[in-house]
Amino acid sequence: MSPITLAIEIVLAVMLAACLFFFWRLDQKLQALRSGQDGALRAAAELAQATAQAEAAVRAMRSTAQDAGRDLQARINDARATADRLGLGAGRMRSSADAGAVRGRM
C-alpha cells in the first residue's frame, strides 16, 4: 500500500466516523422530537376531552337556567295575579270606605 492510498483510507475512515457520529446525534434528536410530538398529541387529546366536558357543562347550565327562568316567570305571574286580586280587594274596600264616609257626611 502506498502512503497516498493509506492517507486517503484514513481520511475516509475519519469522515465515516464523523458521519456515524452525526447520524447518531440526528437519531437522538428525532427520537426526542417524536416523544415531544407524542406529548403534544396527548395534550391535544386532553384538551379536546376538556373542551367536550366544558361544552356539556355549559349545556347543563343553560338547561338549568332555562328551567329556573320558567320557574321564576311562573312565580312572577302568580305574584302579579295575587297583587291584582289584592289591589281589586283594596279598591273595593276604599270604595266602601269612601261610600261610608260620604253617607256619614250626609
N, C-alpha and C. Protein backbone atom coordinates (compact mmCIF):
# COMPACT_ATOMS: atom_id res chain seq x y z
N MET A 1 0.82 -1.15 0.00
CA MET A 1 0.00 0.00 0.00
C MET A 1 0.89 1.24 0.00
N SER A 2 0.51 2.14 -0.83
CA SER A 2 1.29 3.37 -0.91
C SER A 2 0.85 4.34 0.16
N PRO A 3 1.68 5.27 0.53
CA PRO A 3 1.32 6.23 1.57
C PRO A 3 0.11 7.08 1.17
N ILE A 4 -0.06 7.36 -0.11
CA ILE A 4 -1.21 8.17 -0.54
C ILE A 4 -2.49 7.37 -0.35
N THR A 5 -2.51 6.12 -0.68
CA THR A 5 -3.68 5.27 -0.51
C THR A 5 -4.01 5.14 0.97
N LEU A 6 -2.99 4.96 1.79
CA LEU A 6 -3.19 4.87 3.24
C LEU A 6 -3.77 6.16 3.78
N ALA A 7 -3.29 7.30 3.35
CA ALA A 7 -3.79 8.60 3.81
C ALA A 7 -5.24 8.79 3.38
N ILE A 8 -5.57 8.40 2.15
CA ILE A 8 -6.95 8.53 1.67
C ILE A 8 -7.88 7.63 2.47
N GLU A 9 -7.47 6.41 2.76
CA GLU A 9 -8.29 5.49 3.55
C GLU A 9 -8.47 6.00 4.97
N ILE A 10 -7.44 6.59 5.56
CA ILE A 10 -7.56 7.17 6.92
C ILE A 10 -8.53 8.34 6.90
N VAL A 11 -8.42 9.21 5.89
CA VAL A 11 -9.34 10.35 5.78
C VAL A 11 -10.77 9.83 5.61
N LEU A 12 -10.97 8.84 4.77
CA LEU A 12 -12.30 8.25 4.57
C LEU A 12 -12.83 7.62 5.86
N ALA A 13 -11.97 6.95 6.61
CA ALA A 13 -12.38 6.34 7.88
C ALA A 13 -12.80 7.42 8.88
N VAL A 14 -12.02 8.52 8.93
CA VAL A 14 -12.38 9.63 9.84
C VAL A 14 -13.70 10.26 9.41
N MET A 15 -13.87 10.44 8.11
CA MET A 15 -15.12 11.01 7.60
C MET A 15 -16.30 10.08 7.88
N LEU A 16 -16.08 8.77 7.74
CA LEU A 16 -17.13 7.80 8.05
C LEU A 16 -17.48 7.85 9.53
N ALA A 17 -16.47 7.95 10.39
CA ALA A 17 -16.71 8.06 11.84
C ALA A 17 -17.48 9.33 12.16
N ALA A 18 -17.11 10.44 11.50
CA ALA A 18 -17.83 11.70 11.72
C ALA A 18 -19.28 11.57 11.26
N CYS A 19 -19.49 10.92 10.11
CA CYS A 19 -20.87 10.71 9.63
C CYS A 19 -21.66 9.85 10.61
N LEU A 20 -21.05 8.79 11.12
CA LEU A 20 -21.74 7.94 12.10
C LEU A 20 -22.11 8.73 13.35
N PHE A 21 -21.18 9.58 13.81
CA PHE A 21 -21.45 10.41 14.99
C PHE A 21 -22.63 11.35 14.72
N PHE A 22 -22.62 12.02 13.57
CA PHE A 22 -23.71 12.96 13.26
C PHE A 22 -25.03 12.23 13.03
N PHE A 23 -24.99 11.06 12.43
CA PHE A 23 -26.22 10.28 12.28
C PHE A 23 -26.77 9.84 13.64
N TRP A 24 -25.87 9.48 14.55
CA TRP A 24 -26.30 9.11 15.89
C TRP A 24 -26.97 10.29 16.58
N ARG A 25 -26.36 11.50 16.46
CA ARG A 25 -26.96 12.70 17.06
C ARG A 25 -28.30 13.02 16.42
N LEU A 26 -28.41 12.88 15.11
CA LEU A 26 -29.66 13.11 14.40
C LEU A 26 -30.74 12.14 14.88
N ASP A 27 -30.37 10.89 15.07
CA ASP A 27 -31.32 9.90 15.57
C ASP A 27 -31.81 10.27 16.97
N GLN A 28 -30.90 10.74 17.83
CA GLN A 28 -31.29 11.16 19.17
C GLN A 28 -32.28 12.33 19.11
N LYS A 29 -32.00 13.31 18.24
CA LYS A 29 -32.89 14.46 18.12
C LYS A 29 -34.24 14.06 17.53
N LEU A 30 -34.26 13.14 16.58
CA LEU A 30 -35.52 12.67 16.02
C LEU A 30 -36.35 11.91 17.05
N GLN A 31 -35.68 11.13 17.88
CA GLN A 31 -36.40 10.43 18.96
C GLN A 31 -37.00 11.43 19.94
N ALA A 32 -36.23 12.46 20.27
CA ALA A 32 -36.75 13.49 21.18
C ALA A 32 -37.94 14.21 20.55
N LEU A 33 -37.84 14.49 19.25
CA LEU A 33 -38.94 15.14 18.55
C LEU A 33 -40.18 14.25 18.53
N ARG A 34 -39.99 12.96 18.26
CA ARG A 34 -41.12 12.03 18.26
C ARG A 34 -41.78 11.96 19.62
N SER A 35 -40.97 11.88 20.66
CA SER A 35 -41.56 11.81 22.00
C SER A 35 -42.24 13.12 22.35
N GLY A 36 -41.70 14.23 21.87
CA GLY A 36 -42.35 15.52 22.08
C GLY A 36 -43.68 15.59 21.35
N GLN A 37 -43.74 15.03 20.15
CA GLN A 37 -44.99 15.01 19.41
C GLN A 37 -46.01 14.13 20.11
N ASP A 38 -45.54 13.03 20.68
CA ASP A 38 -46.46 12.18 21.44
C ASP A 38 -47.06 12.98 22.60
N GLY A 39 -46.21 13.76 23.24
CA GLY A 39 -46.70 14.60 24.34
C GLY A 39 -47.68 15.64 23.84
N ALA A 40 -47.40 16.22 22.68
CA ALA A 40 -48.30 17.20 22.11
C ALA A 40 -49.62 16.55 21.71
N LEU A 41 -49.54 15.35 21.15
CA LEU A 41 -50.77 14.64 20.79
C LEU A 41 -51.59 14.30 22.04
N ARG A 42 -50.91 13.89 23.08
CA ARG A 42 -51.60 13.58 24.33
C ARG A 42 -52.25 14.84 24.90
N ALA A 43 -51.51 15.96 24.86
CA ALA A 43 -52.05 17.22 25.37
C ALA A 43 -53.25 17.67 24.53
N ALA A 44 -53.17 17.47 23.21
CA ALA A 44 -54.29 17.84 22.34
C ALA A 44 -55.51 16.97 22.65
N ALA A 45 -55.28 15.70 22.90
CA ALA A 45 -56.40 14.81 23.24
C ALA A 45 -57.03 15.22 24.57
N GLU A 46 -56.20 15.56 25.54
CA GLU A 46 -56.72 16.01 26.83
C GLU A 46 -57.48 17.32 26.68
N LEU A 47 -56.98 18.21 25.83
CA LEU A 47 -57.66 19.48 25.58
C LEU A 47 -59.01 19.24 24.92
N ALA A 48 -59.06 18.33 23.97
CA ALA A 48 -60.33 18.00 23.31
C ALA A 48 -61.32 17.42 24.31
N GLN A 49 -60.84 16.57 25.20
CA GLN A 49 -61.71 15.99 26.22
C GLN A 49 -62.21 17.07 27.18
N ALA A 50 -61.33 17.96 27.59
CA ALA A 50 -61.73 19.04 28.50
C ALA A 50 -62.73 19.96 27.81
N THR A 51 -62.54 20.21 26.52
CA THR A 51 -63.47 21.05 25.77
C THR A 51 -64.84 20.39 25.71
N ALA A 52 -64.87 19.09 25.46
CA ALA A 52 -66.15 18.37 25.41
C ALA A 52 -66.85 18.42 26.77
N GLN A 53 -66.10 18.26 27.84
CA GLN A 53 -66.69 18.34 29.17
C GLN A 53 -67.21 19.74 29.46
N ALA A 54 -66.48 20.76 29.03
CA ALA A 54 -66.92 22.14 29.24
C ALA A 54 -68.20 22.42 28.45
N GLU A 55 -68.27 21.91 27.22
CA GLU A 55 -69.48 22.09 26.42
C GLU A 55 -70.67 21.42 27.09
N ALA A 56 -70.46 20.23 27.63
CA ALA A 56 -71.55 19.53 28.32
C ALA A 56 -71.98 20.31 29.55
N ALA A 57 -71.02 20.87 30.27
CA ALA A 57 -71.35 21.67 31.45
C ALA A 57 -72.13 22.92 31.07
N VAL A 58 -71.75 23.55 29.96
CA VAL A 58 -72.46 24.75 29.51
C VAL A 58 -73.89 24.39 29.11
N ARG A 59 -74.05 23.26 28.40
CA ARG A 59 -75.40 22.83 28.03
C ARG A 59 -76.24 22.58 29.28
N ALA A 60 -75.66 21.93 30.28
CA ALA A 60 -76.39 21.66 31.52
C ALA A 60 -76.75 22.96 32.23
N MET A 61 -75.81 23.90 32.25
CA MET A 61 -76.08 25.19 32.90
C MET A 61 -77.17 25.95 32.15
N ARG A 62 -77.15 25.89 30.81
CA ARG A 62 -78.17 26.57 30.01
C ARG A 62 -79.54 25.97 30.31
N SER A 63 -79.60 24.65 30.39
CA SER A 63 -80.86 23.98 30.69
C SER A 63 -81.37 24.35 32.07
N THR A 64 -80.46 24.37 33.04
CA THR A 64 -80.83 24.75 34.41
C THR A 64 -81.31 26.19 34.46
N ALA A 65 -80.62 27.08 33.73
CA ALA A 65 -81.02 28.48 33.70
C ALA A 65 -82.39 28.65 33.06
N GLN A 66 -82.66 27.89 31.99
CA GLN A 66 -83.97 27.97 31.36
C GLN A 66 -85.06 27.48 32.30
N ASP A 67 -84.79 26.37 33.01
CA ASP A 67 -85.76 25.86 33.98
C ASP A 67 -86.00 26.88 35.09
N ALA A 68 -84.92 27.47 35.57
CA ALA A 68 -85.05 28.48 36.63
C ALA A 68 -85.81 29.70 36.11
N GLY A 69 -85.56 30.08 34.86
CA GLY A 69 -86.28 31.21 34.26
C GLY A 69 -87.77 30.94 34.16
N ARG A 70 -88.11 29.71 33.74
CA ARG A 70 -89.53 29.35 33.66
C ARG A 70 -90.18 29.37 35.04
N ASP A 71 -89.48 28.82 36.03
CA ASP A 71 -90.00 28.81 37.40
C ASP A 71 -90.17 30.23 37.92
N LEU A 72 -89.17 31.06 37.67
CA LEU A 72 -89.24 32.45 38.12
C LEU A 72 -90.38 33.18 37.43
N GLN A 73 -90.56 32.96 36.13
CA GLN A 73 -91.66 33.62 35.42
C GLN A 73 -93.01 33.16 35.96
N ALA A 74 -93.12 31.87 36.28
CA ALA A 74 -94.37 31.37 36.87
C ALA A 74 -94.63 32.04 38.21
N ARG A 75 -93.58 32.20 39.01
CA ARG A 75 -93.76 32.86 40.31
C ARG A 75 -94.12 34.33 40.14
N ILE A 76 -93.51 34.97 39.15
CA ILE A 76 -93.85 36.38 38.88
C ILE A 76 -95.31 36.49 38.46
N ASN A 77 -95.75 35.59 37.59
CA ASN A 77 -97.15 35.61 37.15
C ASN A 77 -98.09 35.38 38.32
N ASP A 78 -97.75 34.42 39.20
CA ASP A 78 -98.57 34.18 40.39
C ASP A 78 -98.60 35.41 41.28
N ALA A 79 -97.43 36.05 41.45
CA ALA A 79 -97.36 37.24 42.30
C ALA A 79 -98.18 38.38 41.70
N ARG A 80 -98.13 38.54 40.38
CA ARG A 80 -98.93 39.60 39.75
C ARG A 80 -100.42 39.32 39.91
N ALA A 81 -100.80 38.05 39.74
CA ALA A 81 -102.21 37.69 39.91
C ALA A 81 -102.65 37.97 41.33
N THR A 82 -101.82 37.61 42.29
CA THR A 82 -102.15 37.86 43.70
C THR A 82 -102.22 39.36 43.96
N ALA A 83 -101.27 40.10 43.39
CA ALA A 83 -101.27 41.56 43.58
C ALA A 83 -102.51 42.18 42.95
N ASP A 84 -102.92 41.67 41.80
CA ASP A 84 -104.14 42.20 41.17
C ASP A 84 -105.36 41.91 42.03
N ARG A 85 -105.41 40.70 42.56
CA ARG A 85 -106.55 40.36 43.44
C ARG A 85 -106.55 41.24 44.68
N LEU A 86 -105.38 41.43 45.26
CA LEU A 86 -105.30 42.28 46.45
C LEU A 86 -105.61 43.73 46.09
N GLY A 87 -105.17 44.16 44.95
CA GLY A 87 -105.45 45.53 44.51
C GLY A 87 -106.92 45.74 44.29
N LEU A 88 -107.57 44.77 43.67
CA LEU A 88 -109.01 44.88 43.46
C LEU A 88 -109.74 44.86 44.80
N GLY A 89 -109.31 44.01 45.69
CA GLY A 89 -109.93 43.94 47.01
C GLY A 89 -109.71 45.23 47.76
N ALA A 90 -108.52 45.80 47.70
CA ALA A 90 -108.24 47.07 48.38
C ALA A 90 -109.04 48.19 47.74
N GLY A 91 -109.22 48.13 46.42
CA GLY A 91 -110.03 49.13 45.72
C GLY A 91 -111.48 49.04 46.17
N ARG A 92 -111.97 47.86 46.35
CA ARG A 92 -113.35 47.69 46.83
C ARG A 92 -113.49 48.23 48.24
N MET A 93 -112.44 47.95 49.04
CA MET A 93 -112.51 48.45 50.42
C MET A 93 -112.48 49.96 50.44
N ARG A 94 -111.64 50.55 49.61
CA ARG A 94 -111.59 52.01 49.55
C ARG A 94 -112.93 52.56 49.08
N SER A 95 -113.48 51.88 48.09
CA SER A 95 -114.78 52.34 47.59
C SER A 95 -115.83 52.25 48.68
N SER A 96 -115.82 51.18 49.42
CA SER A 96 -116.79 51.02 50.51
C SER A 96 -116.55 52.07 51.58
N ALA A 97 -115.26 52.30 51.90
CA ALA A 97 -114.95 53.28 52.91
C ALA A 97 -115.33 54.67 52.43
N ASP A 98 -115.08 54.95 51.17
CA ASP A 98 -115.45 56.25 50.63
C ASP A 98 -116.95 56.42 50.64
N ALA A 99 -117.67 55.36 50.29
CA ALA A 99 -119.14 55.43 50.29
C ALA A 99 -119.65 55.63 51.71
N GLY A 100 -119.02 54.99 52.67
CA GLY A 100 -119.43 55.16 54.07
C GLY A 100 -119.14 56.57 54.55
N ALA A 101 -118.00 57.11 54.13
CA ALA A 101 -117.67 58.49 54.52
C ALA A 101 -118.63 59.46 53.89
N VAL A 102 -119.04 59.21 52.68
CA VAL A 102 -119.96 60.11 52.01
C VAL A 102 -121.31 60.00 52.69
N ARG A 103 -121.72 58.80 53.09
CA ARG A 103 -123.01 58.62 53.78
C ARG A 103 -122.98 59.32 55.14
N GLY A 104 -121.77 59.26 55.75
CA GLY A 104 -121.65 59.89 57.06
C GLY A 104 -121.73 61.40 56.97
N ARG A 105 -121.33 61.99 55.90
CA ARG A 105 -121.37 63.44 55.71
C ARG A 105 -122.79 63.89 55.40
N MET A 106 -123.58 63.03 54.88
CA MET A 106 -124.94 63.44 54.51
C MET A 106 -125.81 63.50 55.66
